[in-house]
Amino acid sequence: MDEKFPNQIPIFPLSGVIYFPKTNLPLNIFEKRYLDLVNDAIKKDKLMGMIQSRKSDNEVYKIGCLGKISDFQKSADGRILINLTGLTRFEILEEQKNFKSYREFKVNYKKFIMDLKPEKKEINIEPLMEKVKIFFKKSGLLLNWKEFAKLSEIQKINTLSMIAPITNEEKQKLLESISLEEKVKVLINIVNFYLHEVDFNNQTLQ
């Protein structure tokens, strides 16, 4: 691996929020334990992990994304506004006991080594894009497609995976897809399902 990332990281578990390497995630931090987490990360290496929390108490998914705080602003009312830039996905090994207000986990990056290397294989995403545009239009989501077209292929797929109106479980499945090719296949299956199965008039979207 080109870069050495820490094998123990602070984690911010959040339901329904998912992000990928090479994408940005703005966060508005106001809870005491996460203010502590961000302040500690800023002093150390600016690195923190985001992961989806499960419905049951304290449970989290096994795969998340490591981010670097690339923007940091304190507001007058004590909140912290940050921007996280996605670096690489990680797999949780175990939780580490600590005396801090937030949680830390031992993690491994081996499965996702390709997050740090440019994708060599050319993938035709046009068939997917045609379906995505229909899906977004039907579900009332507006996207600036002109600006979107300027992104790289991997950024396009990761951005769509983050913002698509799909379930948390489906987003997690996309996050856990190892290669870009696999991610495109999963995304096209999900979009096909919604285009055929969901009655938008009756708002059966989750």
C-alpha atoms as a PDB file:
ATOM      1  CA  MET A   1       0.000   0.000   0.000  1.00  0.00           C
ATOM      2  CA  ASP A   2       1.313   3.414  -0.950  1.00  0.00           C
ATOM      3  CA  GLU A   3       0.280   5.150   2.232  1.00  0.00           C
ATOM      4  CA  LYS A   4       0.416   4.007   5.818  1.00  0.00           C
ATOM      5  CA  PHE A   5      -2.882   4.590   7.531  1.00  0.00           C
ATOM      6  CA  PRO A   6      -3.383   4.054  11.286  1.00  0.00           C
ATOM      7  CA  ASN A   7      -4.659   0.622  12.333  1.00  0.00           C
ATOM      8  CA  GLN A   8      -6.703   2.192  15.138  1.00  0.00           C
ATOM      9  CA  ILE A   9      -9.049   5.046  14.263  1.00  0.00           C
ATOM     10  CA  PRO A  10     -11.834   7.090  15.856  1.00  0.00           C
ATOM     11  CA  ILE A  11     -15.201   6.250  14.342  1.00  0.00           C
ATOM     12  CA  PHE A  12     -18.284   8.385  13.789  1.00  0.00           C
ATOM     13  CA  PRO A  13     -21.232   5.966  13.338  1.00  0.00           C
ATOM     14  CA  LEU A  14     -24.172   7.539  11.518  1.00  0.00           C
ATOM     15  CA  SER A  15     -27.234   5.885  10.053  1.00  0.00           C
ATOM     16  CA  GLY A  16     -27.952   6.596   6.400  1.00  0.00           C
ATOM     17  CA  VAL A  17     -24.751   8.551   5.803  1.00  0.00           C
ATOM     18  CA  ILE A  18     -22.312   6.828   3.544  1.00  0.00           C
ATOM     19  CA  TYR A  19     -19.405   8.127   1.563  1.00  0.00           C
ATOM     20  CA  PHE A  20     -16.615   6.861  -0.617  1.00  0.00           C
ATOM     21  CA  PRO A  21     -12.966   7.507  -1.445  1.00  0.00           C
ATOM     22  CA  LYS A  22     -12.465  10.579  -3.661  1.00  0.00           C
ATOM     23  CA  THR A  23     -15.744  12.160  -2.552  1.00  0.00           C
ATOM     24  CA  ASN A  24     -16.469  14.913  -0.031  1.00  0.00           C
ATOM     25  CA  LEU A  25     -18.784  14.796   2.946  1.00  0.00           C
ATOM     26  CA  PRO A  26     -19.767  18.029   4.752  1.00  0.00           C
ATOM     27  CA  LEU A  27     -20.679  17.422   8.401  1.00  0.00           C
ATOM     28  CA  ASN A  28     -22.289  19.645  11.006  1.00  0.00           C
ATOM     29  CA  ILE A  29     -20.984  18.422  14.395  1.00  0.00           C
ATOM     30  CA  PHE A  30     -22.838  19.429  17.554  1.00  0.00           C
ATOM     31  CA  GLU A  31     -22.864  16.369  19.866  1.00  0.00           C
ATOM     32  CA  LYS A  32     -20.253  16.571  22.654  1.00  0.00           C
ATOM     33  CA  ARG A  33     -18.568  13.217  21.965  1.00  0.00           C
ATOM     34  CA  TYR A  34     -18.147  13.978  18.273  1.00  0.00           C
ATOM     35  CA  LEU A  35     -16.902  17.491  18.984  1.00  0.00           C
ATOM     36  CA  ASP A  36     -14.263  15.726  21.141  1.00  0.00           C
ATOM     37  CA  LEU A  37     -13.510  13.296  18.295  1.00  0.00           C
ATOM     38  CA  VAL A  38     -13.034  16.073  15.713  1.00  0.00           C
ATOM     39  CA  ASN A  39     -10.940  18.244  18.038  1.00  0.00           C
ATOM     40  CA  ASP A  40      -8.682  15.273  18.859  1.00  0.00           C
ATOM     41  CA  ALA A  41      -8.379  14.318  15.168  1.00  0.00           C
ATOM     42  CA  ILE A  42      -7.434  17.888  14.207  1.00  0.00           C
ATOM     43  CA  LYS A  43      -4.627  17.856  16.791  1.00  0.00           C
ATOM     44  CA  LYS A  44      -3.395  14.442  15.644  1.00  0.00           C
ATOM     45  CA  ASP A  45      -3.551  13.477  11.933  1.00  0.00           C
ATOM     46  CA  LYS A  46      -6.962  14.846  10.811  1.00  0.00           C
ATOM     47  CA  LEU A  47      -8.114  11.262  10.129  1.00  0.00           C
ATOM     48  CA  MET A  48     -11.448   9.763  11.201  1.00  0.00           C
ATOM     49  CA  GLY A  49     -13.661   6.934  10.033  1.00  0.00           C
ATOM     50  CA  MET A  50     -17.317   7.139   9.016  1.00  0.00           C
ATOM     51  CA  ILE A  51     -19.474   4.044   9.206  1.00  0.00           C
ATOM     52  CA  GLN A  52     -23.179   3.282   9.071  1.00  0.00           C
ATOM     53  CA  SER A  53     -24.796   2.365  12.362  1.00  0.00           C
ATOM     54  CA  ARG A  54     -27.256  -0.507  12.383  1.00  0.00           C
ATOM     55  CA  LYS A  55     -30.741  -0.297  13.854  1.00  0.00           C
ATOM     56  CA  SER A  56     -29.831  -2.323  16.957  1.00  0.00           C
ATOM     57  CA  ASP A  57     -28.016  -0.631  19.849  1.00  0.00           C
ATOM     58  CA  ASN A  58     -24.358   0.211  19.301  1.00  0.00           C
ATOM     59  CA  GLU A  59     -24.028  -2.114  16.321  1.00  0.00           C
ATOM     60  CA  VAL A  60     -22.191  -0.868  13.247  1.00  0.00           C
ATOM     61  CA  TYR A  61     -21.567  -2.300   9.802  1.00  0.00           C
ATOM     62  CA  LYS A  62     -18.171  -3.881   9.166  1.00  0.00           C
ATOM     63  CA  ILE A  63     -17.099  -1.658   6.249  1.00  0.00           C
ATOM     64  CA  GLY A  64     -16.660   2.121   6.392  1.00  0.00           C
ATOM     65  CA  CYS A  65     -14.544   4.868   4.840  1.00  0.00           C
ATOM     66  CA  LEU A  66     -11.546   6.706   6.265  1.00  0.00           C
ATOM     67  CA  GLY A  67     -11.626  10.450   5.717  1.00  0.00           C
ATOM     68  CA  LYS A  68      -9.286  13.381   6.200  1.00  0.00           C
ATOM     69  CA  ILE A  69     -10.657  16.633   7.594  1.00  0.00           C
ATOM     70  CA  SER A  70     -10.006  19.085   4.775  1.00  0.00           C
ATOM     71  CA  ASP A  71     -11.996  22.020   6.132  1.00  0.00           C
ATOM     72  CA  PHE A  72     -12.691  23.012   9.730  1.00  0.00           C
ATOM     73  CA  GLN A  73     -14.795  25.922  11.006  1.00  0.00           C
ATOM     74  CA  LYS A  74     -16.132  26.644  14.469  1.00  0.00           C
ATOM     75  CA  SER A  75     -19.478  28.411  14.658  1.00  0.00           C
ATOM     76  CA  ALA A  76     -20.495  30.932  17.321  1.00  0.00           C
ATOM     77  CA  ASP A  77     -22.932  28.475  18.933  1.00  0.00           C
ATOM     78  CA  GLY A  78     -20.245  25.822  19.535  1.00  0.00           C
ATOM     79  CA  ARG A  79     -20.867  23.628  16.526  1.00  0.00           C
ATOM     80  CA  ILE A  80     -18.036  22.527  14.242  1.00  0.00           C
ATOM     81  CA  LEU A  81     -18.491  22.414  10.466  1.00  0.00           C
ATOM     82  CA  ILE A  82     -16.082  20.116   8.687  1.00  0.00           C
ATOM     83  CA  ASN A  83     -15.516  18.658   5.257  1.00  0.00           C
ATOM     84  CA  LEU A  84     -14.258  15.087   5.060  1.00  0.00           C
ATOM     85  CA  THR A  85     -12.362  13.922   1.983  1.00  0.00           C
ATOM     86  CA  GLY A  86     -12.630  10.160   1.462  1.00  0.00           C
ATOM     87  CA  LEU A  87      -9.298   8.295   1.303  1.00  0.00           C
ATOM     88  CA  THR A  88      -9.888   4.544   1.484  1.00  0.00           C
ATOM     89  CA  ARG A  89     -12.422   2.060   2.750  1.00  0.00           C
ATOM     90  CA  PHE A  90     -11.624  -0.087   5.779  1.00  0.00           C
ATOM     91  CA  GLU A  91     -12.867  -3.241   7.464  1.00  0.00           C
ATOM     92  CA  ILE A  92     -13.485  -3.248  11.212  1.00  0.00           C
ATOM     93  CA  LEU A  93     -11.592  -5.910  13.152  1.00  0.00           C
ATOM     94  CA  GLU A  94     -12.633  -5.096  16.729  1.00  0.00           C
ATOM     95  CA  GLU A  95     -13.615  -2.261  19.010  1.00  0.00           C
ATOM     96  CA  GLN A  96     -10.897  -0.896  21.295  1.00  0.00           C
ATOM     97  CA  LYS A  97     -11.762  -0.017  24.874  1.00  0.00           C
ATOM     98  CA  ASN A  98     -10.797   3.547  25.709  1.00  0.00           C
ATOM     99  CA  PHE A  99     -11.531   6.287  28.229  1.00  0.00           C
ATOM    100  CA  LYS A 100     -12.759   8.721  25.601  1.00  0.00           C
ATOM    101  CA  SER A 101     -16.308   9.886  24.940  1.00  0.00           C
ATOM    102  CA  TYR A 102     -16.225   8.445  21.392  1.00  0.00           C
ATOM    103  CA  ARG A 103     -15.484   4.980  20.018  1.00  0.00           C
ATOM    104  CA  GLU A 104     -12.278   3.689  18.445  1.00  0.00           C
ATOM    105  CA  PHE A 105     -11.811   0.550  16.370  1.00  0.00           C
ATOM    106  CA  LYS A 106      -8.972  -1.562  15.082  1.00  0.00           C
ATOM    107  CA  VAL A 107      -9.273  -1.643  11.296  1.00  0.00           C
ATOM    108  CA  ASN A 108      -7.688  -3.186   8.228  1.00  0.00           C
ATOM    109  CA  TYR A 109      -7.379  -1.682   4.730  1.00  0.00           C
ATOM    110  CA  LYS A 110      -6.116  -4.749   2.807  1.00  0.00           C
ATOM    111  CA  LYS A 111      -9.368  -5.561   0.978  1.00  0.00           C
ATOM    112  CA  PHE A 112      -9.540  -2.072  -0.505  1.00  0.00           C
ATOM    113  CA  ILE A 113      -6.015  -1.549  -1.783  1.00  0.00           C
ATOM    114  CA  MET A 114      -7.443  -0.473  -5.158  1.00  0.00           C
ATOM    115  CA  ASP A 115      -8.972   2.627  -3.529  1.00  0.00           C
ATOM    116  CA  LEU A 116      -5.486   4.147  -3.658  1.00  0.00           C
ATOM    117  CA  LYS A 117      -4.659   3.064  -7.186  1.00  0.00           C
ATOM    118  CA  PRO A 118      -6.167   4.401 -10.401  1.00  0.00           C
ATOM    119  CA  GLU A 119      -8.631   2.036 -12.061  1.00  0.00           C
ATOM    120  CA  LYS A 120      -6.933   0.669 -15.180  1.00  0.00           C
ATOM    121  CA  LYS A 121      -9.893  -1.050 -16.757  1.00  0.00           C
ATOM    122  CA  GLU A 122     -12.168   1.044 -18.995  1.00  0.00           C
ATOM    123  CA  ILE A 123     -15.798   0.614 -18.035  1.00  0.00           C
ATOM    124  CA  ASN A 124     -18.716   1.771 -20.149  1.00  0.00           C
ATOM    125  CA  ILE A 125     -21.119   3.442 -17.742  1.00  0.00           C
ATOM    126  CA  GLU A 126     -23.414   4.974 -20.382  1.00  0.00           C
ATOM    127  CA  PRO A 127     -26.138   2.269 -20.104  1.00  0.00           C
ATOM    128  CA  LEU A 128     -26.169   2.866 -16.331  1.00  0.00           C
ATOM    129  CA  MET A 129     -26.271   6.655 -16.733  1.00  0.00           C
ATOM    130  CA  GLU A 130     -29.330   6.475 -19.005  1.00  0.00           C
ATOM    131  CA  LYS A 131     -31.221   4.475 -16.379  1.00  0.00           C
ATOM    132  CA  VAL A 132     -30.007   6.653 -13.502  1.00  0.00           C
ATOM    133  CA  LYS A 133     -31.295   9.808 -15.212  1.00  0.00           C
ATOM    134  CA  ILE A 134     -34.752   8.226 -15.588  1.00  0.00           C
ATOM    135  CA  PHE A 135     -34.658   6.985 -11.986  1.00  0.00           C
ATOM    136  CA  PHE A 136     -33.659  10.411 -10.604  1.00  0.00           C
ATOM    137  CA  LYS A 137     -36.277  12.190 -12.694  1.00  0.00           C
ATOM    138  CA  LYS A 138     -39.032   9.810 -11.586  1.00  0.00           C
ATOM    139  CA  SER A 139     -38.084  10.190  -7.933  1.00  0.00           C
ATOM    140  CA  GLY A 140     -37.956  13.989  -8.198  1.00  0.00           C
ATOM    141  CA  LEU A 141     -34.202  14.323  -7.609  1.00  0.00           C
ATOM    142  CA  LEU A 142     -32.477  17.188  -9.382  1.00  0.00           C
ATOM    143  CA  LEU A 143     -28.829  16.926 -10.320  1.00  0.00           C
ATOM    144  CA  ASN A 144     -26.662  19.289 -12.344  1.00  0.00           C
ATOM    145  CA  TRP A 145     -25.733  16.774 -15.035  1.00  0.00           C
ATOM    146  CA  LYS A 146     -23.480  19.267 -16.796  1.00  0.00           C
ATOM    147  CA  GLU A 147     -21.277  19.620 -13.713  1.00  0.00           C
ATOM    148  CA  PHE A 148     -21.600  15.897 -13.008  1.00  0.00           C
ATOM    149  CA  ALA A 149     -20.167  15.127 -16.480  1.00  0.00           C
ATOM    150  CA  LYS A 150     -16.862  16.751 -15.431  1.00  0.00           C
ATOM    151  CA  LEU A 151     -16.213  14.072 -12.785  1.00  0.00           C
ATOM    152  CA  SER A 152     -14.037  11.009 -13.369  1.00  0.00           C
ATOM    153  CA  GLU A 153     -15.790   7.646 -13.895  1.00  0.00           C
ATOM    154  CA  ILE A 154     -15.076   6.497 -10.337  1.00  0.00           C
ATOM    155  CA  GLN A 155     -16.263   9.818  -8.871  1.00  0.00           C
ATOM    156  CA  LYS A 156     -19.475   9.560 -10.900  1.00  0.00           C
ATOM    157  CA  ILE A 157     -20.237   6.069  -9.587  1.00  0.00           C
ATOM    158  CA  ASN A 158     -19.305   6.946  -5.995  1.00  0.00           C
ATOM    159  CA  THR A 159     -21.373  10.147  -6.087  1.00  0.00           C
ATOM    160  CA  LEU A 160     -24.418   8.303  -7.471  1.00  0.00           C
ATOM    161  CA  SER A 161     -23.996   5.614  -4.800  1.00  0.00           C
ATOM    162  CA  MET A 162     -24.027   8.310  -2.106  1.00  0.00           C
ATOM    163  CA  ILE A 163     -26.976  10.401  -3.291  1.00  0.00           C
ATOM    164  CA  ALA A 164     -29.331   7.852  -4.894  1.00  0.00           C
ATOM    165  CA  PRO A 165     -32.714   7.535  -3.104  1.00  0.00           C
ATOM    166  CA  ILE A 166     -32.154   3.909  -2.078  1.00  0.00           C
ATOM    167  CA  THR A 167     -32.106   2.076   1.266  1.00  0.00           C
ATOM    168  CA  ASN A 168     -29.214   2.157   3.759  1.00  0.00           C
ATOM    169  CA  GLU A 169     -28.651  -1.564   3.133  1.00  0.00           C
ATOM    170  CA  GLU A 170     -28.377  -0.993  -0.618  1.00  0.00           C
ATOM    171  CA  LYS A 171     -25.902   1.854  -0.071  1.00  0.00           C
ATOM    172  CA  GLN A 172     -23.876  -0.408   2.198  1.00  0.00           C
ATOM    173  CA  LYS A 173     -23.830  -3.082  -0.505  1.00  0.00           C
ATOM    174  CA  LEU A 174     -22.379  -0.514  -2.921  1.00  0.00           C
ATOM    175  CA  LEU A 175     -19.758   0.533  -0.361  1.00  0.00           C
ATOM    176  CA  GLU A 176     -18.720  -3.097   0.090  1.00  0.00           C
ATOM    177  CA  SER A 177     -18.398  -3.763  -3.670  1.00  0.00           C
ATOM    178  CA  ILE A 178     -14.638  -4.120  -4.103  1.00  0.00           C
ATOM    179  CA  SER A 179     -14.050  -3.027  -7.704  1.00  0.00           C
ATOM    180  CA  LEU A 180     -15.626  -0.265  -9.786  1.00  0.00           C
ATOM    181  CA  GLU A 181     -16.929  -2.900 -12.205  1.00  0.00           C
ATOM    182  CA  GLU A 182     -18.689  -4.729  -9.369  1.00  0.00           C
ATOM    183  CA  LYS A 183     -20.102  -1.437  -8.049  1.00  0.00           C
ATOM    184  CA  VAL A 184     -21.540  -0.575 -11.497  1.00  0.00           C
ATOM    185  CA  LYS A 185     -23.234  -4.014 -11.690  1.00  0.00           C
ATOM    186  CA  VAL A 186     -24.745  -3.644  -8.201  1.00  0.00           C
ATOM    187  CA  LEU A 187     -25.937  -0.096  -8.954  1.00  0.00           C
ATOM    188  CA  ILE A 188     -27.568  -1.081 -12.238  1.00  0.00           C
ATOM    189  CA  ASN A 189     -29.370  -3.970 -10.493  1.00  0.00           C
ATOM    190  CA  ILE A 190     -30.640  -1.629  -7.764  1.00  0.00           C
ATOM    191  CA  VAL A 191     -31.808   1.010 -10.276  1.00  0.00           C
ATOM    192  CA  ASN A 192     -33.503  -1.665 -12.422  1.00  0.00           C
ATOM    193  CA  PHE A 193     -35.332  -2.916  -9.340  1.00  0.00           C
ATOM    194  CA  TYR A 194     -36.698   0.550  -8.557  1.00  0.00           C
ATOM    195  CA  LEU A 195     -37.644   1.331 -12.146  1.00  0.00           C
ATOM    196  CA  HIS A 196     -39.644  -1.887 -12.403  1.00  0.00           C
ATOM    197  CA  GLU A 197     -40.860  -2.429  -8.862  1.00  0.00           C
ATOM    198  CA  VAL A 198     -41.497   0.952  -7.284  1.00  0.00           C
ATOM    199  CA  ASP A 199     -44.741   2.806  -7.829  1.00  0.00           C
ATOM    200  CA  PHE A 200     -43.616   6.416  -7.469  1.00  0.00           C
ATOM    201  CA  ASN A 201     -47.210   7.664  -7.368  1.00  0.00           C
ATOM    202  CA  ASN A 202     -47.795   5.716  -4.178  1.00  0.00           C
ATOM    203  CA  GLN A 203     -44.411   6.710  -2.731  1.00  0.00           C
ATOM    204  CA  THR A 204     -43.247   3.207  -1.872  1.00  0.00           C
ATOM    205  CA  LEU A 205     -39.631   4.388  -1.786  1.00  0.00           C
ATOM    206  CA  GLN A 206     -37.968   3.697   1.554  1.00  0.00           C
END
